[in-house]
Amino acid sequence: MNEIVYTIAIWAIPILFAITLHEASHAYVAKYFGDKTAYSLGRMSLNPIRHIDPLGTVIIPVALLLLKSPFIFGYAKPVPVNAGNLRNPRSSFALVALAGPLSNLVMALMWQIAKIVFVLTGITIPVLLKMTEMGILINLVLFAFNLFPIPPLDGGRILTSILPLHLARSFARIEPFGFFIVLGLIYFGMLNYWMRPLVKFGAVTIQTVLLPLSFLWR
Protein backbone atom coordinates (compact mmCIF):
# COMPACT_ATOMS: atom_id res chain seq x y z
CA MET A 1 0.00 0.00 0.00
CA ASN A 2 2.85 2.40 0.83
CA GLU A 3 4.36 1.71 -2.57
CA ILE A 4 1.04 2.41 -4.29
CA VAL A 5 0.59 5.71 -2.41
CA TYR A 6 4.16 6.73 -3.27
CA THR A 7 3.66 5.85 -6.92
CA ILE A 8 0.40 7.80 -7.17
CA ALA A 9 2.02 10.80 -5.40
CA ILE A 10 4.93 11.09 -7.82
CA TRP A 11 2.68 10.58 -10.86
CA ALA A 12 -0.38 12.64 -9.94
CA ILE A 13 1.08 16.18 -10.02
CA PRO A 14 3.06 15.72 -13.28
CA ILE A 15 0.04 14.15 -14.99
CA LEU A 16 -2.31 16.94 -13.85
CA PHE A 17 0.13 19.61 -15.05
CA ALA A 18 0.67 17.76 -18.33
CA ILE A 19 -2.98 17.34 -19.28
CA THR A 20 -3.93 20.83 -18.07
CA LEU A 21 -1.31 22.61 -20.15
CA HIS A 22 -2.00 20.32 -23.11
CA GLU A 23 -5.72 21.08 -23.23
CA ALA A 24 -5.35 24.77 -22.36
CA SER A 25 -2.85 25.13 -25.22
CA HIS A 26 -5.41 23.75 -27.68
CA ALA A 27 -7.95 26.27 -26.39
CA TYR A 28 -5.50 29.19 -26.49
CA VAL A 29 -4.36 28.57 -30.06
CA ALA A 30 -7.97 28.02 -31.20
CA LYS A 31 -8.92 31.39 -29.72
CA TYR A 32 -5.86 33.01 -31.31
CA PHE A 33 -7.01 31.82 -34.74
CA GLY A 34 -10.61 32.91 -34.24
CA ASP A 35 -12.55 30.11 -32.52
CA LYS A 36 -13.72 31.06 -29.02
CA THR A 37 -15.70 27.86 -28.41
CA ALA A 38 -13.32 26.41 -25.83
CA TYR A 39 -12.68 29.84 -24.32
CA SER A 40 -16.40 30.46 -23.79
CA LEU A 41 -16.67 27.08 -22.03
CA GLY A 42 -13.86 27.94 -19.63
CA ARG A 43 -11.40 25.47 -21.14
CA MET A 44 -8.65 28.05 -21.71
CA SER A 45 -7.72 27.56 -18.09
CA LEU A 46 -4.84 26.24 -16.00
CA ASN A 47 -7.33 24.83 -13.51
CA PRO A 48 -6.98 21.03 -13.91
CA ILE A 49 -10.55 20.44 -12.70
CA ARG A 50 -11.85 21.96 -15.94
CA HIS A 51 -9.98 19.34 -18.00
CA ILE A 52 -10.35 16.20 -15.90
CA ASP A 53 -12.49 13.38 -17.25
CA PRO A 54 -13.48 11.22 -14.24
CA LEU A 55 -13.23 8.00 -16.22
CA GLY A 56 -10.25 8.74 -18.46
CA THR A 57 -8.14 10.84 -16.10
CA VAL A 58 -8.80 9.09 -12.79
CA ILE A 59 -10.53 5.71 -12.87
CA ILE A 60 -8.78 4.06 -15.83
CA PRO A 61 -5.18 5.12 -14.99
CA VAL A 62 -5.57 4.26 -11.27
CA ALA A 63 -7.14 0.89 -12.10
CA LEU A 64 -4.31 0.06 -14.50
CA LEU A 65 -1.79 1.15 -11.88
CA LEU A 66 -3.36 -1.03 -9.18
CA LEU A 67 -3.52 -3.95 -11.60
CA LYS A 68 0.20 -3.43 -12.35
CA SER A 69 -0.55 -3.06 -16.04
CA PRO A 70 2.51 -2.96 -18.35
CA PHE A 71 1.19 0.37 -19.69
CA ILE A 72 -0.82 3.24 -18.23
CA PHE A 73 -3.50 4.74 -20.43
CA GLY A 74 -5.76 7.72 -19.86
CA TYR A 75 -7.16 10.88 -21.35
CA ALA A 76 -8.62 14.29 -20.48
CA LYS A 77 -11.80 15.91 -21.72
CA PRO A 78 -11.10 16.96 -25.33
CA VAL A 79 -11.20 20.67 -26.02
CA PRO A 80 -14.05 21.49 -28.45
CA VAL A 81 -12.88 23.28 -31.59
CA ASN A 82 -15.20 24.61 -34.30
CA ALA A 83 -13.00 24.60 -37.40
CA GLY A 84 -15.53 26.77 -39.22
CA ASN A 85 -14.69 29.68 -36.92
CA LEU A 86 -10.95 29.48 -37.59
CA ARG A 87 -9.13 31.75 -40.02
CA ASN A 88 -7.75 29.52 -42.78
CA PRO A 89 -9.56 26.54 -41.19
CA ARG A 90 -7.38 23.67 -42.40
CA SER A 91 -3.94 25.12 -41.60
CA SER A 92 -5.18 26.71 -38.37
CA PHE A 93 -6.77 23.43 -37.25
CA ALA A 94 -3.42 21.68 -37.75
CA LEU A 95 -1.71 24.28 -35.56
CA VAL A 96 -4.41 23.94 -32.89
CA ALA A 97 -3.78 20.18 -32.84
CA LEU A 98 0.00 20.64 -32.78
CA ALA A 99 -0.20 23.01 -29.80
CA GLY A 100 -1.00 20.16 -27.39
CA PRO A 101 2.02 17.93 -28.05
CA LEU A 102 4.33 20.96 -28.23
CA SER A 103 3.08 22.09 -24.82
CA ASN A 104 4.11 18.71 -23.41
CA LEU A 105 7.59 19.11 -24.89
CA VAL A 106 7.85 22.53 -23.22
CA MET A 107 6.59 21.05 -19.93
CA ALA A 108 9.24 18.30 -20.12
CA LEU A 109 11.82 21.06 -20.50
CA MET A 110 10.43 22.84 -17.42
CA TRP A 111 10.63 19.66 -15.34
CA GLN A 112 14.23 19.16 -16.51
CA ILE A 113 15.10 22.70 -15.41
CA ALA A 114 13.37 22.08 -12.06
CA LYS A 115 15.47 18.95 -11.52
CA ILE A 116 18.68 20.87 -12.30
CA VAL A 117 17.69 23.65 -9.88
CA PHE A 118 16.92 21.14 -7.12
CA VAL A 119 20.29 19.45 -7.54
CA LEU A 120 22.23 22.73 -7.70
CA THR A 121 20.53 24.14 -4.60
CA GLY A 122 21.09 20.95 -2.60
CA ILE A 123 17.44 19.88 -2.52
CA THR A 124 17.76 16.11 -2.59
CA ILE A 125 14.35 15.08 -1.28
CA PRO A 126 13.78 11.74 -3.08
CA VAL A 127 10.07 12.34 -3.74
CA LEU A 128 10.72 15.72 -5.41
CA LEU A 129 13.56 14.41 -7.55
CA LYS A 130 11.51 11.40 -8.59
CA MET A 131 8.58 13.69 -9.39
CA THR A 132 10.76 15.75 -11.76
CA GLU A 133 11.91 12.56 -13.47
CA MET A 134 8.30 11.42 -13.86
CA GLY A 135 7.37 14.89 -15.14
CA ILE A 136 10.01 14.63 -17.87
CA LEU A 137 9.01 11.09 -18.80
CA ILE A 138 5.24 11.64 -18.76
CA ASN A 139 5.44 14.73 -20.94
CA LEU A 140 7.81 13.15 -23.44
CA VAL A 141 5.49 10.14 -23.68
CA LEU A 142 2.45 12.38 -24.16
CA PHE A 143 4.34 14.40 -26.76
CA ALA A 144 5.12 11.26 -28.77
CA PHE A 145 1.81 9.49 -28.17
CA ASN A 146 -0.40 12.40 -29.20
CA LEU A 147 1.52 12.86 -32.44
CA PHE A 148 0.58 9.34 -33.59
CA PRO A 149 -1.24 9.94 -36.91
CA ILE A 150 -4.58 8.34 -36.08
CA PRO A 151 -7.64 10.48 -35.26
CA PRO A 152 -8.81 11.49 -32.70
CA LEU A 153 -5.21 11.89 -31.53
CA ASP A 154 -3.59 15.22 -32.37
CA GLY A 155 -1.33 13.62 -34.96
CA GLY A 156 -4.39 12.26 -36.76
CA ARG A 157 -5.98 15.70 -36.79
CA ILE A 158 -2.78 17.24 -38.14
CA LEU A 159 -2.62 14.62 -40.90
CA THR A 160 -6.30 15.17 -41.72
CA SER A 161 -5.63 18.90 -42.06
CA ILE A 162 -2.73 18.51 -44.50
CA LEU A 163 -4.07 15.70 -46.71
CA PRO A 164 -5.86 16.62 -49.95
CA LEU A 165 -9.50 17.23 -49.16
CA HIS A 166 -10.88 14.04 -50.72
CA LEU A 167 -8.32 11.91 -48.86
CA ALA A 168 -8.87 13.85 -45.64
CA ARG A 169 -12.59 13.08 -45.71
CA SER A 170 -11.95 9.36 -46.16
CA PHE A 171 -9.23 9.31 -43.50
CA ALA A 172 -11.43 11.14 -40.98
CA ARG A 173 -13.99 8.31 -41.13
CA ILE A 174 -11.73 6.09 -39.02
CA GLU A 175 -11.97 8.48 -36.03
CA PRO A 176 -14.70 6.47 -34.19
CA PHE A 177 -12.36 3.47 -34.24
CA GLY A 178 -9.13 5.38 -33.60
CA PHE A 179 -8.70 4.61 -29.91
CA PHE A 180 -9.44 0.92 -30.46
CA ILE A 181 -6.73 0.86 -33.14
CA VAL A 182 -4.28 2.58 -30.80
CA LEU A 183 -5.12 0.26 -27.89
CA GLY A 184 -4.52 -2.73 -30.16
CA LEU A 185 -1.15 -1.34 -31.23
CA ILE A 186 -0.23 -0.76 -27.57
CA TYR A 187 -1.29 -4.27 -26.57
CA PHE A 188 0.83 -5.90 -29.27
CA GLY A 189 3.80 -3.61 -28.58
CA MET A 190 3.76 -2.12 -32.07
CA LEU A 191 3.35 1.47 -30.91
CA ASN A 192 6.87 1.30 -29.45
CA TYR A 193 8.29 1.65 -32.96
CA TRP A 194 6.65 5.08 -33.11
CA MET A 195 7.10 6.13 -29.49
CA ARG A 196 10.77 5.39 -28.89
CA PRO A 197 12.23 7.53 -31.71
CA LEU A 198 9.97 10.47 -30.87
CA VAL A 199 10.66 10.26 -27.13
CA LYS A 200 14.39 10.20 -27.92
CA PHE A 201 13.92 13.15 -30.29
CA GLY A 202 12.15 15.08 -27.53
CA ALA A 203 14.91 14.30 -25.02
CA VAL A 204 17.62 15.39 -27.48
CA THR A 205 15.66 18.57 -28.22
CA ILE A 206 15.57 19.41 -24.51
CA GLN A 207 19.31 18.81 -24.16
CA THR A 208 19.95 21.02 -27.18
CA VAL A 209 17.80 23.85 -25.78
CA LEU A 210 19.55 23.64 -22.40
CA LEU A 211 23.05 23.47 -23.87
CA PRO A 212 23.52 27.28 -24.19
CA LEU A 213 22.49 27.62 -20.52
CA SER A 214 24.79 24.91 -19.22
CA PHE A 215 27.42 27.48 -18.17
CA LEU A 216 25.00 28.59 -15.43
CA TRP A 217 25.35 25.32 -13.52
CA ARG A 218 28.99 24.48 -14.16
C-alpha atoms as a PDB file:
ATOM      1  CA  MET A   1       0.000   0.000   0.000  1.00  0.00           C
ATOM      2  CA  ASN A   2       2.854   2.402   0.827  1.00  0.00           C
ATOM      3  CA  GLU A   3       4.364   1.709  -2.571  1.00  0.00           C
ATOM      4  CA  ILE A   4       1.037   2.413  -4.289  1.00  0.00           C
ATOM      5  CA  VAL A   5       0.586   5.710  -2.405  1.00  0.00           C
ATOM      6  CA  TYR A   6       4.162   6.728  -3.266  1.00  0.00           C
ATOM      7  CA  THR A   7       3.657   5.855  -6.925  1.00  0.00           C
ATOM      8  CA  ILE A   8       0.397   7.803  -7.166  1.00  0.00           C
ATOM      9  CA  ALA A   9       2.023  10.795  -5.396  1.00  0.00           C
ATOM     10  CA  ILE A  10       4.930  11.095  -7.822  1.00  0.00           C
ATOM     11  CA  TRP A  11       2.683  10.577 -10.862  1.00  0.00           C
ATOM     12  CA  ALA A  12      -0.380  12.643  -9.944  1.00  0.00           C
ATOM     13  CA  ILE A  13       1.085  16.175 -10.019  1.00  0.00           C
ATOM     14  CA  PRO A  14       3.064  15.721 -13.284  1.00  0.00           C
ATOM     15  CA  ILE A  15       0.036  14.154 -14.988  1.00  0.00           C
ATOM     16  CA  LEU A  16      -2.311  16.941 -13.852  1.00  0.00           C
ATOM     17  CA  PHE A  17       0.126  19.606 -15.053  1.00  0.00           C
ATOM     18  CA  ALA A  18       0.672  17.755 -18.329  1.00  0.00           C
ATOM     19  CA  ILE A  19      -2.983  17.339 -19.278  1.00  0.00           C
ATOM     20  CA  THR A  20      -3.925  20.833 -18.071  1.00  0.00           C
ATOM     21  CA  LEU A  21      -1.308  22.615 -20.154  1.00  0.00           C
ATOM     22  CA  HIS A  22      -1.999  20.320 -23.105  1.00  0.00           C
ATOM     23  CA  GLU A  23      -5.720  21.081 -23.227  1.00  0.00           C
ATOM     24  CA  ALA A  24      -5.351  24.770 -22.358  1.00  0.00           C
ATOM     25  CA  SER A  25      -2.852  25.125 -25.219  1.00  0.00           C
ATOM     26  CA  HIS A  26      -5.410  23.753 -27.681  1.00  0.00           C
ATOM     27  CA  ALA A  27      -7.947  26.271 -26.388  1.00  0.00           C
ATOM     28  CA  TYR A  28      -5.500  29.195 -26.492  1.00  0.00           C
ATOM     29  CA  VAL A  29      -4.359  28.566 -30.057  1.00  0.00           C
ATOM     30  CA  ALA A  30      -7.965  28.015 -31.200  1.00  0.00           C
ATOM     31  CA  LYS A  31      -8.923  31.388 -29.717  1.00  0.00           C
ATOM     32  CA  TYR A  32      -5.864  33.015 -31.311  1.00  0.00           C
ATOM     33  CA  PHE A  33      -7.009  31.817 -34.742  1.00  0.00           C
ATOM     34  CA  GLY A  34     -10.609  32.913 -34.241  1.00  0.00           C
ATOM     35  CA  ASP A  35     -12.546  30.112 -32.520  1.00  0.00           C
ATOM     36  CA  LYS A  36     -13.724  31.056 -29.019  1.00  0.00           C
ATOM     37  CA  THR A  37     -15.704  27.860 -28.415  1.00  0.00           C
ATOM     38  CA  ALA A  38     -13.316  26.405 -25.828  1.00  0.00           C
ATOM     39  CA  TYR A  39     -12.679  29.839 -24.316  1.00  0.00           C
ATOM     40  CA  SER A  40     -16.397  30.464 -23.789  1.00  0.00           C
ATOM     41  CA  LEU A  41     -16.674  27.078 -22.026  1.00  0.00           C
ATOM     42  CA  GLY A  42     -13.860  27.938 -19.627  1.00  0.00           C
ATOM     43  CA  ARG A  43     -11.400  25.472 -21.136  1.00  0.00           C
ATOM     44  CA  MET A  44      -8.648  28.046 -21.715  1.00  0.00           C
ATOM     45  CA  SER A  45      -7.723  27.556 -18.086  1.00  0.00           C
ATOM     46  CA  LEU A  46      -4.842  26.238 -16.002  1.00  0.00           C
ATOM     47  CA  ASN A  47      -7.334  24.826 -13.513  1.00  0.00           C
ATOM     48  CA  PRO A  48      -6.982  21.031 -13.909  1.00  0.00           C
ATOM     49  CA  ILE A  49     -10.546  20.436 -12.704  1.00  0.00           C
ATOM     50  CA  ARG A  50     -11.848  21.961 -15.943  1.00  0.00           C
ATOM     51  CA  HIS A  51      -9.984  19.341 -17.999  1.00  0.00           C
ATOM     52  CA  ILE A  52     -10.350  16.197 -15.896  1.00  0.00           C
ATOM     53  CA  ASP A  53     -12.492  13.381 -17.254  1.00  0.00           C
ATOM     54  CA  PRO A  54     -13.478  11.220 -14.238  1.00  0.00           C
ATOM     55  CA  LEU A  55     -13.230   7.995 -16.216  1.00  0.00           C
ATOM     56  CA  GLY A  56     -10.252   8.738 -18.456  1.00  0.00           C
ATOM     57  CA  THR A  57      -8.143  10.842 -16.096  1.00  0.00           C
ATOM     58  CA  VAL A  58      -8.803   9.095 -12.791  1.00  0.00           C
ATOM     59  CA  ILE A  59     -10.528   5.708 -12.867  1.00  0.00           C
ATOM     60  CA  ILE A  60      -8.777   4.061 -15.834  1.00  0.00           C
ATOM     61  CA  PRO A  61      -5.184   5.123 -14.991  1.00  0.00           C
ATOM     62  CA  VAL A  62      -5.569   4.265 -11.273  1.00  0.00           C
ATOM     63  CA  ALA A  63      -7.144   0.894 -12.103  1.00  0.00           C
ATOM     64  CA  LEU A  64      -4.313   0.057 -14.503  1.00  0.00           C
ATOM     65  CA  LEU A  65      -1.790   1.148 -11.875  1.00  0.00           C
ATOM     66  CA  LEU A  66      -3.362  -1.032  -9.181  1.00  0.00           C
ATOM     67  CA  LEU A  67      -3.521  -3.954 -11.604  1.00  0.00           C
ATOM     68  CA  LYS A  68       0.202  -3.435 -12.353  1.00  0.00           C
ATOM     69  CA  SER A  69      -0.547  -3.056 -16.043  1.00  0.00           C
ATOM     70  CA  PRO A  70       2.507  -2.962 -18.349  1.00  0.00           C
ATOM     71  CA  PHE A  71       1.187   0.372 -19.686  1.00  0.00           C
ATOM     72  CA  ILE A  72      -0.819   3.240 -18.229  1.00  0.00           C
ATOM     73  CA  PHE A  73      -3.504   4.736 -20.433  1.00  0.00           C
ATOM     74  CA  GLY A  74      -5.756   7.720 -19.860  1.00  0.00           C
ATOM     75  CA  TYR A  75      -7.163  10.881 -21.350  1.00  0.00           C
ATOM     76  CA  ALA A  76      -8.616  14.286 -20.483  1.00  0.00           C
ATOM     77  CA  LYS A  77     -11.804  15.915 -21.720  1.00  0.00           C
ATOM     78  CA  PRO A  78     -11.104  16.955 -25.328  1.00  0.00           C
ATOM     79  CA  VAL A  79     -11.198  20.671 -26.020  1.00  0.00           C
ATOM     80  CA  PRO A  80     -14.052  21.491 -28.450  1.00  0.00           C
ATOM     81  CA  VAL A  81     -12.884  23.284 -31.591  1.00  0.00           C
ATOM     82  CA  ASN A  82     -15.204  24.613 -34.304  1.00  0.00           C
ATOM     83  CA  ALA A  83     -12.999  24.598 -37.396  1.00  0.00           C
ATOM     84  CA  GLY A  84     -15.529  26.771 -39.224  1.00  0.00           C
ATOM     85  CA  ASN A  85     -14.692  29.677 -36.920  1.00  0.00           C
ATOM     86  CA  LEU A  86     -10.947  29.483 -37.592  1.00  0.00           C
ATOM     87  CA  ARG A  87      -9.135  31.754 -40.016  1.00  0.00           C
ATOM     88  CA  ASN A  88      -7.748  29.515 -42.782  1.00  0.00           C
ATOM     89  CA  PRO A  89      -9.557  26.539 -41.191  1.00  0.00           C
ATOM     90  CA  ARG A  90      -7.377  23.668 -42.401  1.00  0.00           C
ATOM     91  CA  SER A  91      -3.944  25.116 -41.600  1.00  0.00           C
ATOM     92  CA  SER A  92      -5.181  26.706 -38.373  1.00  0.00           C
ATOM     93  CA  PHE A  93      -6.770  23.428 -37.246  1.00  0.00           C
ATOM     94  CA  ALA A  94      -3.422  21.678 -37.748  1.00  0.00           C
ATOM     95  CA  LEU A  95      -1.715  24.281 -35.559  1.00  0.00           C
ATOM     96  CA  VAL A  96      -4.414  23.940 -32.894  1.00  0.00           C
ATOM     97  CA  ALA A  97      -3.782  20.183 -32.836  1.00  0.00           C
ATOM     98  CA  LEU A  98       0.000  20.641 -32.784  1.00  0.00           C
ATOM     99  CA  ALA A  99      -0.196  23.008 -29.800  1.00  0.00           C
ATOM    100  CA  GLY A 100      -1.005  20.163 -27.393  1.00  0.00           C
ATOM    101  CA  PRO A 101       2.023  17.934 -28.052  1.00  0.00           C
ATOM    102  CA  LEU A 102       4.335  20.959 -28.226  1.00  0.00           C
ATOM    103  CA  SER A 103       3.080  22.093 -24.817  1.00  0.00           C
ATOM    104  CA  ASN A 104       4.113  18.711 -23.411  1.00  0.00           C
ATOM    105  CA  LEU A 105       7.586  19.113 -24.886  1.00  0.00           C
ATOM    106  CA  VAL A 106       7.847  22.526 -23.216  1.00  0.00           C
ATOM    107  CA  MET A 107       6.593  21.048 -19.931  1.00  0.00           C
ATOM    108  CA  ALA A 108       9.240  18.297 -20.119  1.00  0.00           C
ATOM    109  CA  LEU A 109      11.821  21.063 -20.504  1.00  0.00           C
ATOM    110  CA  MET A 110      10.433  22.842 -17.419  1.00  0.00           C
ATOM    111  CA  TRP A 111      10.634  19.662 -15.341  1.00  0.00           C
ATOM    112  CA  GLN A 112      14.229  19.156 -16.506  1.00  0.00           C
ATOM    113  CA  ILE A 113      15.095  22.699 -15.409  1.00  0.00           C
ATOM    114  CA  ALA A 114      13.371  22.079 -12.057  1.00  0.00           C
ATOM    115  CA  LYS A 115      15.473  18.953 -11.524  1.00  0.00           C
ATOM    116  CA  ILE A 116      18.679  20.869 -12.296  1.00  0.00           C
ATOM    117  CA  VAL A 117      17.689  23.655  -9.885  1.00  0.00           C
ATOM    118  CA  PHE A 118      16.917  21.140  -7.120  1.00  0.00           C
ATOM    119  CA  VAL A 119      20.290  19.450  -7.537  1.00  0.00           C
ATOM    120  CA  LEU A 120      22.231  22.726  -7.704  1.00  0.00           C
ATOM    121  CA  THR A 121      20.531  24.139  -4.598  1.00  0.00           C
ATOM    122  CA  GLY A 122      21.090  20.954  -2.602  1.00  0.00           C
ATOM    123  CA  ILE A 123      17.441  19.877  -2.522  1.00  0.00           C
ATOM    124  CA  THR A 124      17.765  16.108  -2.588  1.00  0.00           C
ATOM    125  CA  ILE A 125      14.346  15.075  -1.285  1.00  0.00           C
ATOM    126  CA  PRO A 126      13.784  11.743  -3.082  1.00  0.00           C
ATOM    127  CA  VAL A 127      10.067  12.342  -3.743  1.00  0.00           C
ATOM    128  CA  LEU A 128      10.719  15.721  -5.406  1.00  0.00           C
ATOM    129  CA  LEU A 129      13.561  14.412  -7.545  1.00  0.00           C
ATOM    130  CA  LYS A 130      11.508  11.401  -8.587  1.00  0.00           C
ATOM    131  CA  MET A 131       8.583  13.693  -9.387  1.00  0.00           C
ATOM    132  CA  THR A 132      10.758  15.749 -11.756  1.00  0.00           C
ATOM    133  CA  GLU A 133      11.906  12.557 -13.469  1.00  0.00           C
ATOM    134  CA  MET A 134       8.297  11.420 -13.860  1.00  0.00           C
ATOM    135  CA  GLY A 135       7.368  14.887 -15.144  1.00  0.00           C
ATOM    136  CA  ILE A 136      10.011  14.631 -17.870  1.00  0.00           C
ATOM    137  CA  LEU A 137       9.009  11.086 -18.798  1.00  0.00           C
ATOM    138  CA  ILE A 138       5.237  11.644 -18.757  1.00  0.00           C
ATOM    139  CA  ASN A 139       5.437  14.733 -20.941  1.00  0.00           C
ATOM    140  CA  LEU A 140       7.812  13.145 -23.442  1.00  0.00           C
ATOM    141  CA  VAL A 141       5.491  10.137 -23.678  1.00  0.00           C
ATOM    142  CA  LEU A 142       2.446  12.381 -24.157  1.00  0.00           C
ATOM    143  CA  PHE A 143       4.342  14.399 -26.765  1.00  0.00           C
ATOM    144  CA  ALA A 144       5.119  11.261 -28.767  1.00  0.00           C
ATOM    145  CA  PHE A 145       1.806   9.486 -28.175  1.00  0.00           C
ATOM    146  CA  ASN A 146      -0.402  12.397 -29.197  1.00  0.00           C
ATOM    147  CA  LEU A 147       1.516  12.856 -32.444  1.00  0.00           C
ATOM    148  CA  PHE A 148       0.584   9.345 -33.590  1.00  0.00           C
ATOM    149  CA  PRO A 149      -1.239   9.937 -36.910  1.00  0.00           C
ATOM    150  CA  ILE A 150      -4.584   8.345 -36.079  1.00  0.00           C
ATOM    151  CA  PRO A 151      -7.636  10.481 -35.259  1.00  0.00           C
ATOM    152  CA  PRO A 152      -8.815  11.493 -32.697  1.00  0.00           C
ATOM    153  CA  LEU A 153      -5.208  11.888 -31.531  1.00  0.00           C
ATOM    154  CA  ASP A 154      -3.587  15.215 -32.365  1.00  0.00           C
ATOM    155  CA  GLY A 155      -1.328  13.624 -34.964  1.00  0.00           C
ATOM    156  CA  GLY A 156      -4.389  12.261 -36.758  1.00  0.00           C
ATOM    157  CA  ARG A 157      -5.982  15.698 -36.793  1.00  0.00           C
ATOM    158  CA  ILE A 158      -2.782  17.238 -38.138  1.00  0.00           C
ATOM    159  CA  LEU A 159      -2.619  14.624 -40.898  1.00  0.00           C
ATOM    160  CA  THR A 160      -6.303  15.170 -41.722  1.00  0.00           C
ATOM    161  CA  SER A 161      -5.631  18.895 -42.060  1.00  0.00           C
ATOM    162  CA  ILE A 162      -2.733  18.515 -44.504  1.00  0.00           C
ATOM    163  CA  LEU A 163      -4.075  15.695 -46.710  1.00  0.00           C
ATOM    164  CA  PRO A 164      -5.863  16.624 -49.947  1.00  0.00           C
ATOM    165  CA  LEU A 165      -9.501  17.230 -49.158  1.00  0.00           C
ATOM    166  CA  HIS A 166     -10.882  14.038 -50.722  1.00  0.00           C
ATOM    167  CA  LEU A 167      -8.316  11.914 -48.861  1.00  0.00           C
ATOM    168  CA  ALA A 168      -8.873  13.853 -45.637  1.00  0.00           C
ATOM    169  CA  ARG A 169     -12.585  13.085 -45.706  1.00  0.00           C
ATOM    170  CA  SER A 170     -11.948   9.365 -46.163  1.00  0.00           C
ATOM    171  CA  PHE A 171      -9.233   9.308 -43.497  1.00  0.00           C
ATOM    172  CA  ALA A 172     -11.433  11.142 -40.980  1.00  0.00           C
ATOM    173  CA  ARG A 173     -13.987   8.309 -41.131  1.00  0.00           C
ATOM    174  CA  ILE A 174     -11.729   6.090 -39.021  1.00  0.00           C
ATOM    175  CA  GLU A 175     -11.972   8.477 -36.035  1.00  0.00           C
ATOM    176  CA  PRO A 176     -14.697   6.474 -34.187  1.00  0.00           C
ATOM    177  CA  PHE A 177     -12.360   3.467 -34.245  1.00  0.00           C
ATOM    178  CA  GLY A 178      -9.132   5.382 -33.601  1.00  0.00           C
ATOM    179  CA  PHE A 179      -8.703   4.613 -29.908  1.00  0.00           C
ATOM    180  CA  PHE A 180      -9.436   0.925 -30.459  1.00  0.00           C
ATOM    181  CA  ILE A 181      -6.731   0.863 -33.143  1.00  0.00           C
ATOM    182  CA  VAL A 182      -4.282   2.581 -30.801  1.00  0.00           C
ATOM    183  CA  LEU A 183      -5.118   0.256 -27.895  1.00  0.00           C
ATOM    184  CA  GLY A 184      -4.516  -2.728 -30.159  1.00  0.00           C
ATOM    185  CA  LEU A 185      -1.150  -1.343 -31.229  1.00  0.00           C
ATOM    186  CA  ILE A 186      -0.226  -0.760 -27.570  1.00  0.00           C
ATOM    187  CA  TYR A 187      -1.289  -4.271 -26.566  1.00  0.00           C
ATOM    188  CA  PHE A 188       0.830  -5.896 -29.274  1.00  0.00           C
ATOM    189  CA  GLY A 189       3.797  -3.608 -28.576  1.00  0.00           C
ATOM    190  CA  MET A 190       3.756  -2.124 -32.070  1.00  0.00           C
ATOM    191  CA  LEU A 191       3.349   1.474 -30.906  1.00  0.00           C
ATOM    192  CA  ASN A 192       6.868   1.298 -29.446  1.00  0.00           C
ATOM    193  CA  TYR A 193       8.289   1.649 -32.960  1.00  0.00           C
ATOM    194  CA  TRP A 194       6.652   5.079 -33.109  1.00  0.00           C
ATOM    195  CA  MET A 195       7.104   6.129 -29.493  1.00  0.00           C
ATOM    196  CA  ARG A 196      10.775   5.393 -28.889  1.00  0.00           C
ATOM    197  CA  PRO A 197      12.233   7.534 -31.707  1.00  0.00           C
ATOM    198  CA  LEU A 198       9.968  10.474 -30.868  1.00  0.00           C
ATOM    199  CA  VAL A 199      10.662  10.261 -27.125  1.00  0.00           C
ATOM    200  CA  LYS A 200      14.387  10.200 -27.921  1.00  0.00           C
ATOM    201  CA  PHE A 201      13.924  13.155 -30.293  1.00  0.00           C
ATOM    202  CA  GLY A 202      12.152  15.076 -27.526  1.00  0.00           C
ATOM    203  CA  ALA A 203      14.915  14.298 -25.024  1.00  0.00           C
ATOM    204  CA  VAL A 204      17.620  15.391 -27.477  1.00  0.00           C
ATOM    205  CA  THR A 205      15.664  18.572 -28.217  1.00  0.00           C
ATOM    206  CA  ILE A 206      15.566  19.414 -24.506  1.00  0.00           C
ATOM    207  CA  GLN A 207      19.308  18.806 -24.157  1.00  0.00           C
ATOM    208  CA  THR A 208      19.949  21.021 -27.182  1.00  0.00           C
ATOM    209  CA  VAL A 209      17.805  23.853 -25.780  1.00  0.00           C
ATOM    210  CA  LEU A 210      19.553  23.641 -22.398  1.00  0.00           C
ATOM    211  CA  LEU A 211      23.051  23.475 -23.869  1.00  0.00           C
ATOM    212  CA  PRO A 212      23.523  27.276 -24.191  1.00  0.00           C
ATOM    213  CA  LEU A 213      22.486  27.625 -20.524  1.00  0.00           C
ATOM    214  CA  SER A 214      24.794  24.905 -19.223  1.00  0.00           C
ATOM    215  CA  PHE A 215      27.416  27.475 -18.172  1.00  0.00           C
ATOM    216  CA  LEU A 216      25.000  28.592 -15.434  1.00  0.00           C
ATOM    217  CA  TRP A 217      25.350  25.322 -13.518  1.00  0.00           C
ATOM    218  CA  ARG A 218      28.988  24.482 -14.157  1.00  0.00           C
END
